[in-house]
């Protein structure tokens, strides 16, 4: 991948805070807007102009730029941006780490995504629902159904609703791992959560994944 797995961990070991200025705030907003359009090149140009003018960026700007690159399917650029924070002694936060997890997930490196998660724990950073969603999706892509279920259990133990996309990813992970009974259990949990009004009803993709799991398990 061209990026060391420990790069974000190195960034987390540093402790330099750059105060938010109007230039940083405006640049971060422009980079986020470019990211929403998946226009990573425009985001990079805003970052370059900021650095030529102000000299320094902070973790919010770096995270916004990395996210824009990830949305633009430039996940290696995203990871390189996050790892470069270490060279300027900027400490990674939860948003930066979640972006790194998503970038590794998009690149198909689910083990690296889990390594970032472990680094977060060691640094005392609390993963949020976005982090967990990206991790579960990474496990789903890697066919690591046990990891996906463990993460889902960890998330729900915090009394946080995983949401439709994350739960669907866990069901899909079970389907890929030919764990049809677990896929059905997850679908049932999603239906019960929807009945309690805690989250939307499962989508067709969730049912399709559960049905596919049963098909693979010869449970007609």
N, C-alpha and C. Protein backbone atom coordinates (compact mmCIF):
# COMPACT_ATOMS: atom_id res chain seq x y z
N UNK A 1 0.82 -1.20 0.00
CA UNK A 1 0.00 0.00 0.00
C UNK A 1 0.86 1.26 0.00
N UNK A 2 2.13 1.12 0.35
CA UNK A 2 3.00 2.29 0.32
C UNK A 2 2.89 3.13 1.57
N UNK A 3 2.09 2.71 2.54
CA UNK A 3 1.93 3.46 3.78
C UNK A 3 2.09 2.50 4.94
N UNK A 4 2.87 2.87 5.93
CA UNK A 4 3.10 1.99 7.06
C UNK A 4 1.86 1.92 7.94
N UNK A 5 1.55 0.72 8.44
CA UNK A 5 0.37 0.53 9.27
C UNK A 5 0.43 1.35 10.54
N UNK A 6 1.65 1.56 11.06
CA UNK A 6 1.79 2.29 12.31
C UNK A 6 1.83 3.79 12.17
N UNK A 7 1.61 4.30 10.98
CA UNK A 7 1.78 5.74 10.75
C UNK A 7 0.85 6.56 11.62
N UNK A 8 -0.40 6.13 11.72
CA UNK A 8 -1.35 6.89 12.52
C UNK A 8 -1.01 6.79 14.00
N UNK A 9 -0.50 5.64 14.40
CA UNK A 9 -0.10 5.48 15.80
C UNK A 9 1.02 6.45 16.15
N UNK A 10 1.95 6.66 15.22
CA UNK A 10 3.02 7.62 15.45
C UNK A 10 2.45 9.01 15.63
N UNK A 11 1.49 9.34 14.80
CA UNK A 11 0.87 10.66 14.90
C UNK A 11 0.17 10.83 16.24
N UNK A 12 -0.41 9.76 16.75
CA UNK A 12 -1.12 9.86 18.01
C UNK A 12 -0.17 10.05 19.19
N UNK A 13 1.09 9.73 19.00
CA UNK A 13 2.05 9.86 20.09
C UNK A 13 2.49 11.31 20.31
N UNK A 14 2.17 12.17 19.35
CA UNK A 14 2.59 13.56 19.44
C UNK A 14 1.53 14.41 20.16
N UNK A 15 1.91 15.59 20.59
CA UNK A 15 0.98 16.42 21.35
C UNK A 15 1.16 17.89 20.98
N UNK A 16 0.86 18.23 19.76
CA UNK A 16 0.95 19.62 19.32
C UNK A 16 -0.44 20.07 18.89
N UNK A 17 -0.90 21.15 19.47
CA UNK A 17 -2.22 21.68 19.12
C UNK A 17 -2.06 23.01 18.40
N UNK A 18 -2.65 23.11 17.22
CA UNK A 18 -2.62 24.35 16.47
C UNK A 18 -4.00 24.99 16.61
N UNK A 19 -4.08 26.20 17.15
CA UNK A 19 -5.39 26.83 17.37
C UNK A 19 -6.13 27.07 16.07
N UNK A 20 -7.45 26.98 16.15
CA UNK A 20 -8.29 27.21 14.98
C UNK A 20 -8.36 28.70 14.66
N UNK A 21 -8.03 29.05 13.44
CA UNK A 21 -8.12 30.43 12.98
C UNK A 21 -9.19 30.50 11.89
N UNK A 22 -9.53 31.70 11.47
CA UNK A 22 -10.54 31.84 10.42
C UNK A 22 -10.04 31.21 9.12
N UNK A 23 -8.73 31.30 8.83
CA UNK A 23 -8.18 30.70 7.62
C UNK A 23 -8.31 29.18 7.66
N UNK A 24 -8.02 28.59 8.82
CA UNK A 24 -8.15 27.14 8.96
C UNK A 24 -9.61 26.72 8.88
N UNK A 25 -10.48 27.47 9.54
CA UNK A 25 -11.90 27.14 9.53
C UNK A 25 -12.47 27.20 8.11
N UNK A 26 -12.15 28.25 7.38
CA UNK A 26 -12.66 28.40 6.02
C UNK A 26 -12.09 27.32 5.09
N UNK A 27 -10.82 27.02 5.26
CA UNK A 27 -10.20 25.99 4.42
C UNK A 27 -10.82 24.62 4.70
N UNK A 28 -11.04 24.32 5.98
CA UNK A 28 -11.66 23.04 6.33
C UNK A 28 -13.05 22.93 5.71
N UNK A 29 -13.81 24.02 5.72
CA UNK A 29 -15.16 24.01 5.13
C UNK A 29 -15.09 23.77 3.63
N UNK A 30 -14.14 24.43 2.96
CA UNK A 30 -13.99 24.26 1.51
C UNK A 30 -13.55 22.83 1.16
N UNK A 31 -12.67 22.29 1.97
CA UNK A 31 -12.21 20.91 1.74
C UNK A 31 -13.35 19.93 1.94
N UNK A 32 -14.17 20.15 2.98
CA UNK A 32 -15.32 19.26 3.21
C UNK A 32 -16.29 19.33 2.04
N UNK A 33 -16.53 20.54 1.54
CA UNK A 33 -17.44 20.69 0.40
C UNK A 33 -16.92 19.94 -0.82
N UNK A 34 -15.61 20.03 -1.05
CA UNK A 34 -15.01 19.30 -2.17
C UNK A 34 -15.15 17.79 -1.94
N UNK A 35 -14.98 17.37 -0.68
CA UNK A 35 -15.11 15.96 -0.36
C UNK A 35 -16.51 15.43 -0.63
N UNK A 36 -17.51 16.24 -0.33
CA UNK A 36 -18.90 15.82 -0.58
C UNK A 36 -19.15 15.60 -2.07
N UNK A 37 -18.39 16.30 -2.89
CA UNK A 37 -18.51 16.15 -4.35
C UNK A 37 -17.55 15.08 -4.87
N UNK A 38 -16.80 14.45 -3.96
CA UNK A 38 -15.76 13.49 -4.31
C UNK A 38 -14.69 14.11 -5.19
N UNK A 39 -14.51 15.42 -5.05
CA UNK A 39 -13.51 16.15 -5.84
C UNK A 39 -12.25 16.30 -5.00
N UNK A 40 -11.48 15.23 -4.92
CA UNK A 40 -10.30 15.23 -4.05
C UNK A 40 -9.22 16.19 -4.55
N UNK A 41 -9.15 16.38 -5.86
CA UNK A 41 -8.13 17.28 -6.40
C UNK A 41 -8.38 18.72 -5.97
N UNK A 42 -9.67 19.12 -5.95
CA UNK A 42 -10.00 20.46 -5.47
C UNK A 42 -9.65 20.61 -4.00
N UNK A 43 -9.89 19.54 -3.23
CA UNK A 43 -9.55 19.57 -1.80
C UNK A 43 -8.05 19.74 -1.60
N UNK A 44 -7.26 19.03 -2.39
CA UNK A 44 -5.80 19.15 -2.30
C UNK A 44 -5.35 20.57 -2.65
N UNK A 45 -5.99 21.17 -3.64
CA UNK A 45 -5.63 22.53 -4.04
C UNK A 45 -5.91 23.53 -2.93
N UNK A 46 -7.04 23.37 -2.25
CA UNK A 46 -7.35 24.24 -1.11
C UNK A 46 -6.29 24.09 -0.03
N UNK A 47 -5.89 22.84 0.23
CA UNK A 47 -4.87 22.57 1.24
C UNK A 47 -3.54 23.23 0.86
N UNK A 48 -3.17 23.12 -0.40
CA UNK A 48 -1.91 23.72 -0.85
C UNK A 48 -1.93 25.25 -0.70
N UNK A 49 -3.06 25.84 -1.04
CA UNK A 49 -3.17 27.30 -0.90
C UNK A 49 -3.07 27.71 0.56
N UNK A 50 -3.71 26.93 1.43
CA UNK A 50 -3.65 27.21 2.86
C UNK A 50 -2.22 27.16 3.36
N UNK A 51 -1.49 26.11 3.01
CA UNK A 51 -0.12 25.94 3.49
C UNK A 51 0.81 27.02 2.95
N UNK A 52 0.58 27.46 1.72
CA UNK A 52 1.43 28.51 1.15
C UNK A 52 1.17 29.86 1.81
N UNK A 53 -0.09 30.04 2.30
CA UNK A 53 -0.48 31.30 2.92
C UNK A 53 -0.19 31.31 4.41
N UNK A 54 -0.74 30.31 5.09
CA UNK A 54 -0.70 30.30 6.55
C UNK A 54 0.45 29.47 7.11
N UNK A 55 0.95 28.54 6.32
CA UNK A 55 2.08 27.74 6.77
C UNK A 55 1.70 26.46 7.49
N UNK A 56 0.72 26.53 8.38
CA UNK A 56 0.35 25.37 9.20
C UNK A 56 -1.12 25.01 8.99
N UNK A 57 -1.38 23.69 9.05
CA UNK A 57 -2.74 23.19 9.09
C UNK A 57 -2.90 22.46 10.42
N UNK A 58 -4.14 22.21 10.82
CA UNK A 58 -4.35 21.47 12.07
C UNK A 58 -5.02 20.14 11.77
N UNK A 59 -5.31 19.39 12.83
CA UNK A 59 -5.85 18.04 12.66
C UNK A 59 -7.20 18.06 11.95
N UNK A 60 -7.99 19.12 12.14
CA UNK A 60 -9.29 19.20 11.48
C UNK A 60 -9.12 19.31 9.97
N UNK A 61 -8.17 20.13 9.53
CA UNK A 61 -7.92 20.29 8.10
C UNK A 61 -7.35 19.00 7.51
N UNK A 62 -6.38 18.41 8.21
CA UNK A 62 -5.79 17.16 7.71
C UNK A 62 -6.86 16.07 7.59
N UNK A 63 -7.72 15.96 8.58
CA UNK A 63 -8.76 14.93 8.56
C UNK A 63 -9.75 15.18 7.42
N UNK A 64 -10.11 16.45 7.21
CA UNK A 64 -11.04 16.78 6.12
C UNK A 64 -10.43 16.43 4.77
N UNK A 65 -9.13 16.72 4.61
CA UNK A 65 -8.45 16.41 3.36
C UNK A 65 -8.36 14.90 3.14
N UNK A 66 -8.00 14.17 4.19
CA UNK A 66 -7.92 12.71 4.08
C UNK A 66 -9.27 12.11 3.74
N UNK A 67 -10.34 12.64 4.37
CA UNK A 67 -11.69 12.16 4.09
C UNK A 67 -12.08 12.43 2.64
N UNK A 68 -11.72 13.62 2.13
CA UNK A 68 -12.02 13.96 0.75
C UNK A 68 -11.34 12.99 -0.21
N UNK A 69 -10.09 12.65 0.09
CA UNK A 69 -9.36 11.71 -0.76
C UNK A 69 -9.98 10.32 -0.70
N UNK A 70 -10.42 9.91 0.49
CA UNK A 70 -11.07 8.61 0.62
C UNK A 70 -12.37 8.57 -0.17
N UNK A 71 -13.15 9.64 -0.08
CA UNK A 71 -14.41 9.71 -0.85
C UNK A 71 -14.14 9.67 -2.35
N UNK A 72 -12.99 10.21 -2.74
CA UNK A 72 -12.62 10.20 -4.15
C UNK A 72 -11.89 8.94 -4.57
N UNK A 73 -11.96 7.90 -3.71
CA UNK A 73 -11.33 6.60 -3.98
C UNK A 73 -9.81 6.70 -4.08
N UNK A 74 -9.24 7.71 -3.46
CA UNK A 74 -7.78 7.86 -3.42
C UNK A 74 -7.31 7.52 -2.01
N UNK A 75 -7.55 6.27 -1.62
CA UNK A 75 -7.31 5.90 -0.23
C UNK A 75 -5.82 5.90 0.13
N UNK A 76 -4.94 5.63 -0.83
CA UNK A 76 -3.51 5.69 -0.52
C UNK A 76 -3.08 7.13 -0.23
N UNK A 77 -3.66 8.08 -0.97
CA UNK A 77 -3.38 9.49 -0.68
C UNK A 77 -3.87 9.85 0.72
N UNK A 78 -5.05 9.33 1.06
CA UNK A 78 -5.63 9.61 2.37
C UNK A 78 -4.71 9.15 3.48
N UNK A 79 -4.20 7.95 3.37
CA UNK A 79 -3.32 7.41 4.40
C UNK A 79 -1.99 8.15 4.46
N UNK A 80 -1.49 8.55 3.28
CA UNK A 80 -0.25 9.32 3.26
C UNK A 80 -0.42 10.67 3.96
N UNK A 81 -1.57 11.29 3.74
CA UNK A 81 -1.87 12.58 4.39
C UNK A 81 -1.91 12.41 5.90
N UNK A 82 -2.60 11.36 6.36
CA UNK A 82 -2.71 11.13 7.80
C UNK A 82 -1.35 10.81 8.41
N UNK A 83 -0.54 10.02 7.71
CA UNK A 83 0.78 9.68 8.26
C UNK A 83 1.70 10.90 8.29
N UNK A 84 1.47 11.85 7.37
CA UNK A 84 2.32 13.05 7.34
C UNK A 84 2.09 13.95 8.55
N UNK A 85 0.98 13.74 9.26
CA UNK A 85 0.72 14.52 10.46
C UNK A 85 1.83 14.33 11.49
N UNK A 86 2.41 13.13 11.49
CA UNK A 86 3.46 12.85 12.47
C UNK A 86 4.68 13.74 12.24
N UNK A 87 4.99 14.01 10.97
CA UNK A 87 6.18 14.79 10.66
C UNK A 87 6.04 16.25 11.10
N UNK A 88 4.80 16.71 11.23
CA UNK A 88 4.58 18.09 11.69
C UNK A 88 4.07 18.10 13.14
N UNK A 89 4.15 16.93 13.79
CA UNK A 89 3.84 16.79 15.21
C UNK A 89 2.42 17.21 15.55
N UNK A 90 1.47 16.74 14.73
CA UNK A 90 0.05 16.97 15.00
C UNK A 90 -0.57 15.67 15.49
N UNK A 91 -1.24 15.73 16.62
CA UNK A 91 -1.84 14.55 17.22
C UNK A 91 -3.14 14.17 16.51
N UNK A 92 -3.26 12.90 16.16
CA UNK A 92 -4.47 12.40 15.53
C UNK A 92 -5.61 12.34 16.54
N UNK A 93 -6.81 12.63 16.09
CA UNK A 93 -7.98 12.52 16.95
C UNK A 93 -8.88 11.40 16.43
N UNK A 94 -10.07 11.27 17.03
CA UNK A 94 -10.99 10.19 16.64
C UNK A 94 -11.38 10.30 15.18
N UNK A 95 -11.61 11.53 14.71
CA UNK A 95 -12.01 11.72 13.31
C UNK A 95 -10.90 11.27 12.37
N UNK A 96 -9.67 11.66 12.68
CA UNK A 96 -8.53 11.26 11.84
C UNK A 96 -8.38 9.74 11.82
N UNK A 97 -8.51 9.12 12.99
CA UNK A 97 -8.37 7.66 13.06
C UNK A 97 -9.50 6.95 12.34
N UNK A 98 -10.72 7.49 12.45
CA UNK A 98 -11.86 6.90 11.75
C UNK A 98 -11.66 6.99 10.24
N UNK A 99 -11.08 8.11 9.80
CA UNK A 99 -10.78 8.28 8.38
C UNK A 99 -9.75 7.25 7.93
N UNK A 100 -8.75 7.00 8.78
CA UNK A 100 -7.74 5.99 8.46
C UNK A 100 -8.37 4.61 8.36
N UNK A 101 -9.26 4.29 9.29
CA UNK A 101 -9.95 3.00 9.26
C UNK A 101 -10.74 2.85 7.96
N UNK A 102 -11.45 3.92 7.59
CA UNK A 102 -12.25 3.88 6.36
C UNK A 102 -11.35 3.71 5.13
N UNK A 103 -10.21 4.41 5.13
CA UNK A 103 -9.29 4.31 3.99
C UNK A 103 -8.75 2.88 3.85
N UNK A 104 -8.33 2.28 4.97
CA UNK A 104 -7.85 0.90 4.91
C UNK A 104 -8.97 -0.03 4.46
N UNK A 105 -10.18 0.23 4.93
CA UNK A 105 -11.33 -0.60 4.54
C UNK A 105 -11.60 -0.50 3.04
N UNK A 106 -11.56 0.73 2.52
CA UNK A 106 -11.78 0.92 1.08
C UNK A 106 -10.69 0.23 0.26
N UNK A 107 -9.49 0.18 0.81
CA UNK A 107 -8.40 -0.45 0.10
C UNK A 107 -8.36 -1.96 0.24
N UNK A 108 -9.28 -2.51 1.07
CA UNK A 108 -9.34 -3.96 1.24
C UNK A 108 -8.38 -4.50 2.27
N UNK A 109 -7.78 -3.63 3.10
CA UNK A 109 -6.82 -4.05 4.11
C UNK A 109 -7.50 -4.07 5.48
N UNK A 110 -8.34 -5.07 5.69
CA UNK A 110 -9.13 -5.09 6.93
C UNK A 110 -8.25 -5.29 8.16
N UNK A 111 -7.13 -6.01 8.02
CA UNK A 111 -6.26 -6.21 9.19
C UNK A 111 -5.62 -4.90 9.61
N UNK A 112 -5.28 -4.05 8.64
CA UNK A 112 -4.69 -2.75 8.97
C UNK A 112 -5.73 -1.86 9.66
N UNK A 113 -6.97 -1.96 9.23
CA UNK A 113 -8.04 -1.19 9.87
C UNK A 113 -8.16 -1.56 11.34
N UNK A 114 -8.06 -2.85 11.63
CA UNK A 114 -8.14 -3.31 13.02
C UNK A 114 -6.93 -2.87 13.82
N UNK A 115 -5.77 -2.77 13.17
CA UNK A 115 -4.57 -2.29 13.86
C UNK A 115 -4.74 -0.84 14.30
N UNK A 116 -5.34 -0.03 13.44
CA UNK A 116 -5.59 1.37 13.81
C UNK A 116 -6.53 1.41 15.02
N UNK A 117 -7.53 0.54 15.02
CA UNK A 117 -8.49 0.47 16.13
C UNK A 117 -7.78 0.15 17.44
N UNK A 118 -6.86 -0.81 17.38
CA UNK A 118 -6.09 -1.16 18.58
C UNK A 118 -5.20 0.00 19.02
N UNK A 119 -4.62 0.71 18.05
CA UNK A 119 -3.80 1.89 18.37
C UNK A 119 -4.65 2.95 19.07
N UNK A 120 -5.90 3.12 18.61
CA UNK A 120 -6.81 4.08 19.24
C UNK A 120 -7.03 3.73 20.70
N UNK A 121 -7.26 2.46 20.97
CA UNK A 121 -7.50 2.03 22.34
C UNK A 121 -6.29 2.33 23.22
N UNK A 122 -5.10 2.03 22.69
CA UNK A 122 -3.89 2.27 23.47
C UNK A 122 -3.68 3.76 23.74
N UNK A 123 -4.14 4.59 22.81
CA UNK A 123 -3.99 6.04 22.96
C UNK A 123 -5.11 6.66 23.80
N UNK A 124 -6.08 5.83 24.21
CA UNK A 124 -7.19 6.32 25.02
C UNK A 124 -8.25 7.06 24.23
N UNK A 125 -8.30 6.84 22.91
CA UNK A 125 -9.32 7.47 22.07
C UNK A 125 -10.54 6.57 21.98
N UNK A 126 -11.71 7.14 22.18
CA UNK A 126 -12.95 6.39 22.15
C UNK A 126 -13.51 6.35 20.73
N UNK A 127 -13.58 5.16 20.15
CA UNK A 127 -14.13 5.02 18.81
C UNK A 127 -15.61 5.39 18.82
N UNK A 128 -16.07 6.01 17.73
CA UNK A 128 -17.49 6.35 17.63
C UNK A 128 -18.19 5.39 16.67
N UNK A 129 -19.47 5.64 16.43
CA UNK A 129 -20.26 4.73 15.60
C UNK A 129 -19.72 4.69 14.17
N UNK A 130 -19.13 5.79 13.70
CA UNK A 130 -18.55 5.81 12.36
C UNK A 130 -17.34 4.88 12.29
N UNK A 131 -16.52 4.93 13.34
CA UNK A 131 -15.35 4.05 13.39
C UNK A 131 -15.78 2.59 13.36
N UNK A 132 -16.76 2.25 14.20
CA UNK A 132 -17.23 0.87 14.25
C UNK A 132 -17.84 0.44 12.93
N UNK A 133 -18.59 1.34 12.30
CA UNK A 133 -19.19 1.01 11.02
C UNK A 133 -18.14 0.69 9.97
N UNK A 134 -17.07 1.50 9.93
CA UNK A 134 -15.99 1.26 8.97
C UNK A 134 -15.26 -0.04 9.29
N UNK A 135 -15.06 -0.34 10.58
CA UNK A 135 -14.38 -1.57 10.97
C UNK A 135 -15.20 -2.80 10.59
N UNK A 136 -16.50 -2.75 10.84
CA UNK A 136 -17.37 -3.88 10.50
C UNK A 136 -17.42 -4.08 8.99
N UNK A 137 -17.46 -2.97 8.25
CA UNK A 137 -17.44 -3.07 6.79
C UNK A 137 -16.11 -3.65 6.31
N UNK A 138 -15.01 -3.29 6.99
CA UNK A 138 -13.71 -3.85 6.64
C UNK A 138 -13.69 -5.35 6.87
N UNK A 139 -14.24 -5.80 7.99
CA UNK A 139 -14.31 -7.23 8.27
C UNK A 139 -15.20 -7.94 7.26
N UNK A 140 -16.27 -7.29 6.88
CA UNK A 140 -17.18 -7.87 5.89
C UNK A 140 -16.46 -8.07 4.55
N UNK A 141 -15.71 -7.08 4.14
CA UNK A 141 -14.97 -7.18 2.89
C UNK A 141 -13.90 -8.26 2.96
N UNK A 142 -13.34 -8.44 4.14
CA UNK A 142 -12.29 -9.44 4.31
C UNK A 142 -12.82 -10.83 4.65
N UNK A 143 -14.15 -10.96 4.73
CA UNK A 143 -14.73 -12.26 5.06
C UNK A 143 -14.50 -12.67 6.50
N UNK A 144 -14.23 -11.69 7.36
CA UNK A 144 -13.93 -11.98 8.77
C UNK A 144 -15.20 -11.80 9.59
N UNK A 145 -16.09 -12.78 9.49
CA UNK A 145 -17.41 -12.66 10.11
C UNK A 145 -17.33 -12.61 11.63
N UNK A 146 -16.39 -13.35 12.23
CA UNK A 146 -16.27 -13.35 13.70
C UNK A 146 -15.88 -11.97 14.20
N UNK A 147 -14.97 -11.32 13.49
CA UNK A 147 -14.57 -9.96 13.87
C UNK A 147 -15.71 -8.98 13.74
N UNK A 148 -16.49 -9.13 12.67
CA UNK A 148 -17.63 -8.23 12.46
C UNK A 148 -18.64 -8.37 13.60
N UNK A 149 -18.91 -9.61 14.02
CA UNK A 149 -19.87 -9.83 15.11
C UNK A 149 -19.33 -9.33 16.44
N UNK A 150 -18.04 -9.51 16.68
CA UNK A 150 -17.44 -9.03 17.92
C UNK A 150 -17.54 -7.52 18.02
N UNK A 151 -17.27 -6.84 16.91
CA UNK A 151 -17.35 -5.38 16.89
C UNK A 151 -18.79 -4.90 17.05
N UNK A 152 -19.71 -5.60 16.40
CA UNK A 152 -21.12 -5.23 16.54
C UNK A 152 -21.58 -5.40 17.98
N UNK A 153 -21.14 -6.49 18.63
CA UNK A 153 -21.49 -6.70 20.03
C UNK A 153 -20.89 -5.63 20.93
N UNK A 154 -19.66 -5.22 20.62
CA UNK A 154 -19.01 -4.17 21.40
C UNK A 154 -19.75 -2.85 21.27
N UNK A 155 -20.21 -2.58 20.04
CA UNK A 155 -20.94 -1.33 19.80
C UNK A 155 -22.28 -1.33 20.52
N UNK A 156 -23.03 -2.42 20.41
CA UNK A 156 -24.35 -2.47 21.04
C UNK A 156 -24.24 -2.50 22.57
N UNK A 157 -23.11 -3.01 23.09
CA UNK A 157 -22.92 -3.01 24.55
C UNK A 157 -22.80 -1.60 25.09
N UNK A 158 -22.44 -0.67 24.21
CA UNK A 158 -22.37 0.74 24.60
C UNK A 158 -23.73 1.43 24.48
N UNK A 159 -24.75 0.63 24.18
CA UNK A 159 -26.12 1.13 24.00
C UNK A 159 -26.20 2.15 22.87
N UNK A 160 -25.45 1.85 21.80
CA UNK A 160 -25.47 2.69 20.60
C UNK A 160 -26.06 1.87 19.47
N UNK A 161 -27.05 2.42 18.78
CA UNK A 161 -27.65 1.71 17.66
C UNK A 161 -26.66 1.68 16.50
N UNK A 162 -26.38 0.49 15.94
CA UNK A 162 -25.39 0.40 14.87
C UNK A 162 -25.84 1.05 13.57
N UNK A 163 -27.15 1.13 13.39
CA UNK A 163 -27.65 1.71 12.15
C UNK A 163 -27.77 0.67 11.06
N UNK A 164 -28.51 1.03 10.05
CA UNK A 164 -28.85 0.10 8.98
C UNK A 164 -27.64 -0.40 8.20
N UNK A 165 -26.75 0.51 7.80
CA UNK A 165 -25.62 0.13 6.96
C UNK A 165 -24.67 -0.81 7.70
N UNK A 166 -24.40 -0.48 8.96
CA UNK A 166 -23.47 -1.29 9.75
C UNK A 166 -24.04 -2.67 10.02
N UNK A 167 -25.33 -2.73 10.38
CA UNK A 167 -25.94 -4.04 10.64
C UNK A 167 -25.98 -4.88 9.36
N UNK A 168 -26.29 -4.23 8.23
CA UNK A 168 -26.29 -4.95 6.96
C UNK A 168 -24.92 -5.53 6.63
N UNK A 169 -23.87 -4.75 6.95
CA UNK A 169 -22.50 -5.23 6.71
C UNK A 169 -22.21 -6.46 7.54
N UNK A 170 -22.69 -6.47 8.79
CA UNK A 170 -22.48 -7.63 9.66
C UNK A 170 -23.23 -8.85 9.12
N UNK A 171 -24.46 -8.64 8.65
CA UNK A 171 -25.23 -9.75 8.05
C UNK A 171 -24.52 -10.28 6.82
N UNK A 172 -24.01 -9.36 6.00
CA UNK A 172 -23.29 -9.76 4.80
C UNK A 172 -22.02 -10.53 5.14
N UNK A 173 -21.34 -10.13 6.24
CA UNK A 173 -20.15 -10.85 6.67
C UNK A 173 -20.50 -12.30 7.03
N UNK A 174 -21.63 -12.47 7.72
CA UNK A 174 -22.07 -13.82 8.07
C UNK A 174 -22.43 -14.62 6.82
N UNK A 175 -23.03 -13.95 5.87
CA UNK A 175 -23.40 -14.61 4.61
C UNK A 175 -22.14 -15.10 3.88
N UNK A 176 -21.12 -14.26 3.83
CA UNK A 176 -19.87 -14.65 3.17
C UNK A 176 -19.16 -15.76 3.92
N UNK A 177 -19.34 -15.78 5.24
CA UNK A 177 -18.72 -16.82 6.05
C UNK A 177 -19.58 -18.05 6.20
N UNK A 178 -20.70 -18.09 5.46
CA UNK A 178 -21.63 -19.22 5.48
C UNK A 178 -22.16 -19.51 6.88
N UNK A 179 -22.40 -18.42 7.62
CA UNK A 179 -22.96 -18.53 8.97
C UNK A 179 -24.43 -18.14 8.91
N UNK A 180 -25.25 -19.03 8.34
CA UNK A 180 -26.63 -18.67 8.05
C UNK A 180 -27.44 -18.41 9.32
N UNK A 181 -27.20 -19.17 10.38
CA UNK A 181 -27.99 -18.99 11.60
C UNK A 181 -27.69 -17.64 12.25
N UNK A 182 -26.42 -17.23 12.19
CA UNK A 182 -26.06 -15.93 12.75
C UNK A 182 -26.63 -14.79 11.92
N UNK A 183 -26.67 -14.98 10.61
CA UNK A 183 -27.26 -13.97 9.73
C UNK A 183 -28.74 -13.78 10.05
N UNK A 184 -29.43 -14.89 10.29
CA UNK A 184 -30.85 -14.82 10.65
C UNK A 184 -31.03 -14.14 12.00
N UNK A 185 -30.14 -14.46 12.95
CA UNK A 185 -30.22 -13.82 14.28
C UNK A 185 -30.06 -12.30 14.15
N UNK A 186 -29.12 -11.87 13.33
CA UNK A 186 -28.90 -10.43 13.15
C UNK A 186 -30.10 -9.77 12.49
N UNK A 187 -30.67 -10.44 11.50
CA UNK A 187 -31.86 -9.89 10.85
C UNK A 187 -33.01 -9.78 11.85
N UNK A 188 -33.15 -10.80 12.69
CA UNK A 188 -34.20 -10.75 13.71
C UNK A 188 -33.98 -9.61 14.69
N UNK A 189 -32.72 -9.38 15.07
CA UNK A 189 -32.41 -8.27 15.98
C UNK A 189 -32.74 -6.93 15.33
N UNK A 190 -32.47 -6.83 14.02
CA UNK A 190 -32.78 -5.60 13.30
C UNK A 190 -34.28 -5.37 13.23
N UNK A 191 -35.04 -6.42 13.03
CA UNK A 191 -36.51 -6.30 12.99
C UNK A 191 -37.06 -5.89 14.35
N UNK A 192 -36.50 -6.45 15.42
CA UNK A 192 -36.95 -6.08 16.76
C UNK A 192 -36.60 -4.63 17.08
N UNK A 193 -35.42 -4.19 16.67
CA UNK A 193 -35.02 -2.81 16.90
C UNK A 193 -35.93 -1.86 16.14
N UNK A 194 -36.31 -2.25 14.93
CA UNK A 194 -37.23 -1.43 14.13
C UNK A 194 -38.60 -1.37 14.77
N UNK A 195 -39.05 -2.50 15.34
CA UNK A 195 -40.36 -2.54 16.00
C UNK A 195 -40.39 -1.65 17.23
N UNK A 196 -39.23 -1.49 17.88
CA UNK A 196 -39.15 -0.61 19.04
C UNK A 196 -38.94 0.85 18.64
N UNK A 197 -38.79 1.09 17.36
CA UNK A 197 -38.58 2.44 16.87
C UNK A 197 -37.16 2.95 17.07
N UNK A 198 -36.22 2.04 17.28
CA UNK A 198 -34.83 2.44 17.54
C UNK A 198 -34.05 2.71 16.26
N UNK A 199 -34.46 2.08 15.17
CA UNK A 199 -33.80 2.31 13.89
C UNK A 199 -34.77 1.92 12.77
N UNK A 200 -34.46 2.32 11.53
CA UNK A 200 -35.36 2.00 10.42
C UNK A 200 -35.46 0.49 10.19
N UNK A 201 -36.51 0.09 9.52
CA UNK A 201 -36.69 -1.32 9.19
C UNK A 201 -35.57 -1.79 8.26
N UNK A 202 -35.17 -3.04 8.38
CA UNK A 202 -34.12 -3.56 7.49
C UNK A 202 -34.51 -3.39 6.03
N UNK A 203 -33.52 -3.11 5.21
CA UNK A 203 -33.76 -2.92 3.79
C UNK A 203 -33.73 -4.26 3.06
N UNK A 204 -34.04 -4.20 1.78
CA UNK A 204 -34.05 -5.42 0.97
C UNK A 204 -32.68 -6.08 0.95
N UNK A 205 -31.62 -5.26 1.02
CA UNK A 205 -30.27 -5.84 0.98
C UNK A 205 -30.01 -6.72 2.20
N UNK A 206 -30.55 -6.35 3.35
CA UNK A 206 -30.38 -7.16 4.56
C UNK A 206 -31.09 -8.51 4.40
N UNK A 207 -32.32 -8.47 3.89
CA UNK A 207 -33.06 -9.71 3.67
C UNK A 207 -32.35 -10.57 2.62
N UNK A 208 -31.87 -9.93 1.57
CA UNK A 208 -31.18 -10.68 0.51
C UNK A 208 -29.92 -11.36 1.03
N UNK A 209 -29.18 -10.65 1.90
CA UNK A 209 -27.96 -11.24 2.46
C UNK A 209 -28.30 -12.43 3.35
N UNK A 210 -29.37 -12.29 4.15
CA UNK A 210 -29.78 -13.39 5.03
C UNK A 210 -30.27 -14.58 4.20
N UNK A 211 -31.03 -14.30 3.14
CA UNK A 211 -31.53 -15.37 2.27
C UNK A 211 -30.36 -16.08 1.58
N UNK A 212 -29.38 -15.28 1.13
CA UNK A 212 -28.21 -15.85 0.48
C UNK A 212 -27.42 -16.73 1.45
N UNK A 213 -27.35 -16.31 2.71
CA UNK A 213 -26.66 -17.11 3.72
C UNK A 213 -27.36 -18.45 3.91
N UNK A 214 -28.68 -18.42 3.95
CA UNK A 214 -29.45 -19.67 4.09
C UNK A 214 -29.25 -20.57 2.88
N UNK A 215 -29.20 -19.93 1.70
CA UNK A 215 -28.99 -20.70 0.47
C UNK A 215 -27.64 -21.41 0.50
N UNK A 216 -26.59 -20.68 0.93
CA UNK A 216 -25.27 -21.27 1.00
C UNK A 216 -25.20 -22.38 2.04
N UNK A 217 -26.04 -22.24 3.07
CA UNK A 217 -26.05 -23.27 4.11
C UNK A 217 -27.06 -24.38 3.85
N UNK A 218 -27.63 -24.36 2.62
CA UNK A 218 -28.62 -25.36 2.20
C UNK A 218 -29.82 -25.41 3.13
N UNK A 219 -30.20 -24.21 3.63
CA UNK A 219 -31.36 -24.09 4.49
C UNK A 219 -32.53 -23.53 3.66
N UNK A 220 -33.13 -24.42 2.90
CA UNK A 220 -34.18 -23.98 1.99
C UNK A 220 -35.49 -23.71 2.74
